[in-house]
Amino acid sequence: FALGNEEVSKRFIQQIRAIFDQDIAVMEGQQRINSMLPNAPNIEIRCDVPVVAMRRLVIQASERERGEPIAVTRIDPATLRAAQPIAATQTIEVGPAPH
């Protein structure tokens, strides 16, 4: 769409960067929570299949580096739960970023 229109291309790039910056903020918040609660269970939902697969690859690489046996498992999206909305009255606390 609008090939050669520099203004449209510029706005498109700005919007993609803004979305990516929002994703970074969310991922940093998730990482802070995961670091504060390392033993908390993960609730995996269908849209998390790529993330779950990557997490398993990282675990396998770590096990391989330590010389541990590697458990290979298949991710079956049918076994993952559908995303559940968070109730409007439910509060999720996110602490400040560590300094």
C-alpha atoms as a PDB file:
ATOM      1  CA  PHE A   1       0.000   0.000   0.000  1.00  0.00           C
ATOM      2  CA  ALA A   2       1.202   3.496  -0.815  1.00  0.00           C
ATOM      3  CA  LEU A   3       4.472   2.273  -2.319  1.00  0.00           C
ATOM      4  CA  GLY A   4       6.921   5.135  -2.648  1.00  0.00           C
ATOM      5  CA  ASN A   5       4.987   7.372  -0.218  1.00  0.00           C
ATOM      6  CA  GLU A   6       7.690   8.301   2.263  1.00  0.00           C
ATOM      7  CA  GLU A   7       5.261   9.837   4.783  1.00  0.00           C
ATOM      8  CA  VAL A   8       3.167   6.636   4.953  1.00  0.00           C
ATOM      9  CA  SER A   9       6.336   4.546   5.330  1.00  0.00           C
ATOM     10  CA  LYS A  10       7.616   6.845   8.094  1.00  0.00           C
ATOM     11  CA  ARG A  11       4.312   6.648  10.025  1.00  0.00           C
ATOM     12  CA  PHE A  12       4.210   2.871   9.571  1.00  0.00           C
ATOM     13  CA  ILE A  13       7.712   2.485  11.014  1.00  0.00           C
ATOM     14  CA  GLN A  14       6.831   4.771  13.948  1.00  0.00           C
ATOM     15  CA  GLN A  15       3.743   2.714  14.741  1.00  0.00           C
ATOM     16  CA  ILE A  16       5.637  -0.591  14.572  1.00  0.00           C
ATOM     17  CA  ARG A  17       8.336   0.812  16.879  1.00  0.00           C
ATOM     18  CA  ALA A  18       5.688   2.015  19.355  1.00  0.00           C
ATOM     19  CA  ILE A  19       4.075  -1.430  19.413  1.00  0.00           C
ATOM     20  CA  PHE A  20       7.457  -3.110  19.852  1.00  0.00           C
ATOM     21  CA  ASP A  21       8.323  -0.722  22.716  1.00  0.00           C
ATOM     22  CA  GLN A  22       5.061  -1.706  24.436  1.00  0.00           C
ATOM     23  CA  ASP A  23       5.955  -5.389  24.003  1.00  0.00           C
ATOM     24  CA  ILE A  24       9.346  -4.750  25.599  1.00  0.00           C
ATOM     25  CA  ALA A  25       7.705  -3.099  28.616  1.00  0.00           C
ATOM     26  CA  VAL A  26       5.345  -6.063  29.060  1.00  0.00           C
ATOM     27  CA  MET A  27       8.146  -8.619  28.701  1.00  0.00           C
ATOM     28  CA  GLU A  28      10.320  -6.743  31.212  1.00  0.00           C
ATOM     29  CA  GLY A  29       7.417  -6.725  33.673  1.00  0.00           C
ATOM     30  CA  GLN A  30       6.875 -10.444  33.182  1.00  0.00           C
ATOM     31  CA  GLN A  31      10.573 -11.112  33.700  1.00  0.00           C
ATOM     32  CA  ARG A  32      10.572  -9.097  36.956  1.00  0.00           C
ATOM     33  CA  ILE A  33       7.645 -11.151  38.244  1.00  0.00           C
ATOM     34  CA  ASN A  34       9.260 -14.415  37.113  1.00  0.00           C
ATOM     35  CA  SER A  35      12.459 -13.395  38.911  1.00  0.00           C
ATOM     36  CA  MET A  36      10.592 -12.487  42.111  1.00  0.00           C
ATOM     37  CA  LEU A  37       8.525 -15.696  42.035  1.00  0.00           C
ATOM     38  CA  PRO A  38      10.782 -18.318  40.404  1.00  0.00           C
ATOM     39  CA  ASN A  39       8.708 -21.259  41.682  1.00  0.00           C
ATOM     40  CA  ALA A  40       5.338 -19.879  40.621  1.00  0.00           C
ATOM     41  CA  PRO A  41       3.516 -22.166  38.173  1.00  0.00           C
ATOM     42  CA  ASN A  42       3.313 -21.143  34.535  1.00  0.00           C
ATOM     43  CA  ILE A  43      -0.149 -21.080  33.042  1.00  0.00           C
ATOM     44  CA  GLU A  44       0.329 -21.848  29.386  1.00  0.00           C
ATOM     45  CA  ILE A  45      -2.361 -20.907  26.902  1.00  0.00           C
ATOM     46  CA  ARG A  46      -2.682 -21.678  23.192  1.00  0.00           C
ATOM     47  CA  CYS A  47      -1.183 -18.396  22.014  1.00  0.00           C
ATOM     48  CA  ASP A  48       1.927 -19.214  24.087  1.00  0.00           C
ATOM     49  CA  VAL A  49       2.965 -22.179  21.925  1.00  0.00           C
ATOM     50  CA  PRO A  50       5.988 -20.358  20.390  1.00  0.00           C
ATOM     51  CA  VAL A  51       7.048 -19.035  23.817  1.00  0.00           C
ATOM     52  CA  VAL A  52       6.670 -22.475  25.409  1.00  0.00           C
ATOM     53  CA  ALA A  53       8.707 -24.035  22.597  1.00  0.00           C
ATOM     54  CA  MET A  54      11.465 -21.442  23.003  1.00  0.00           C
ATOM     55  CA  ARG A  55      11.492 -21.881  26.797  1.00  0.00           C
ATOM     56  CA  ARG A  56      11.928 -25.624  26.315  1.00  0.00           C
ATOM     57  CA  LEU A  57      14.767 -25.076  23.823  1.00  0.00           C
ATOM     58  CA  VAL A  58      16.552 -22.815  26.317  1.00  0.00           C
ATOM     59  CA  ILE A  59      16.101 -25.413  29.082  1.00  0.00           C
ATOM     60  CA  GLN A  60      17.422 -28.148  26.778  1.00  0.00           C
ATOM     61  CA  ALA A  61      20.446 -26.023  25.814  1.00  0.00           C
ATOM     62  CA  SER A  62      21.148 -25.370  29.491  1.00  0.00           C
ATOM     63  CA  GLU A  63      20.866 -29.095  30.288  1.00  0.00           C
ATOM     64  CA  ARG A  64      23.160 -29.910  27.378  1.00  0.00           C
ATOM     65  CA  GLU A  65      25.786 -27.438  28.673  1.00  0.00           C
ATOM     66  CA  ARG A  66      25.651 -29.062  32.118  1.00  0.00           C
ATOM     67  CA  GLY A  67      25.849 -32.543  30.590  1.00  0.00           C
ATOM     68  CA  GLU A  68      22.406 -33.529  31.909  1.00  0.00           C
ATOM     69  CA  PRO A  69      20.040 -35.865  30.031  1.00  0.00           C
ATOM     70  CA  ILE A  70      17.731 -33.878  27.782  1.00  0.00           C
ATOM     71  CA  ALA A  71      13.979 -34.443  27.940  1.00  0.00           C
ATOM     72  CA  VAL A  72      12.356 -33.742  24.593  1.00  0.00           C
ATOM     73  CA  THR A  73       8.626 -33.122  24.670  1.00  0.00           C
ATOM     74  CA  ARG A  74       6.165 -32.244  21.959  1.00  0.00           C
ATOM     75  CA  ILE A  75       3.944 -29.229  22.503  1.00  0.00           C
ATOM     76  CA  ASP A  76       0.358 -30.102  21.743  1.00  0.00           C
ATOM     77  CA  PRO A  77      -1.683 -26.886  21.408  1.00  0.00           C
ATOM     78  CA  ALA A  78      -4.855 -28.871  22.112  1.00  0.00           C
ATOM     79  CA  THR A  79      -3.656 -29.501  25.671  1.00  0.00           C
ATOM     80  CA  LEU A  80      -3.112 -25.816  26.383  1.00  0.00           C
ATOM     81  CA  ARG A  81      -5.933 -23.758  27.806  1.00  0.00           C
ATOM     82  CA  ALA A  82      -7.741 -21.011  25.980  1.00  0.00           C
ATOM     83  CA  ALA A  83      -6.899 -17.518  27.189  1.00  0.00           C
ATOM     84  CA  GLN A  84      -9.043 -16.416  30.099  1.00  0.00           C
ATOM     85  CA  PRO A  85      -9.901 -12.741  30.583  1.00  0.00           C
ATOM     86  CA  ILE A  86      -8.887 -11.122  33.844  1.00  0.00           C
ATOM     87  CA  ALA A  87     -11.850  -9.908  35.874  1.00  0.00           C
ATOM     88  CA  ALA A  88     -12.140  -6.137  36.083  1.00  0.00           C
ATOM     89  CA  THR A  89     -12.003  -6.397  39.876  1.00  0.00           C
ATOM     90  CA  GLN A  90      -8.821  -8.502  39.874  1.00  0.00           C
ATOM     91  CA  THR A  91      -5.644  -6.520  40.551  1.00  0.00           C
ATOM     92  CA  ILE A  92      -2.288  -7.595  39.313  1.00  0.00           C
ATOM     93  CA  GLU A  93       0.564  -5.976  41.203  1.00  0.00           C
ATOM     94  CA  VAL A  94       3.760  -5.291  39.299  1.00  0.00           C
ATOM     95  CA  GLY A  95       6.637  -4.027  41.387  1.00  0.00           C
ATOM     96  CA  PRO A  96       9.066  -1.362  40.291  1.00  0.00           C
ATOM     97  CA  ALA A  97      11.969  -2.329  38.102  1.00  0.00           C
ATOM     98  CA  PRO A  98      15.068  -3.263  40.098  1.00  0.00           C
ATOM     99  CA  HIS A  99      17.841  -0.677  39.985  1.00  0.00           C
END
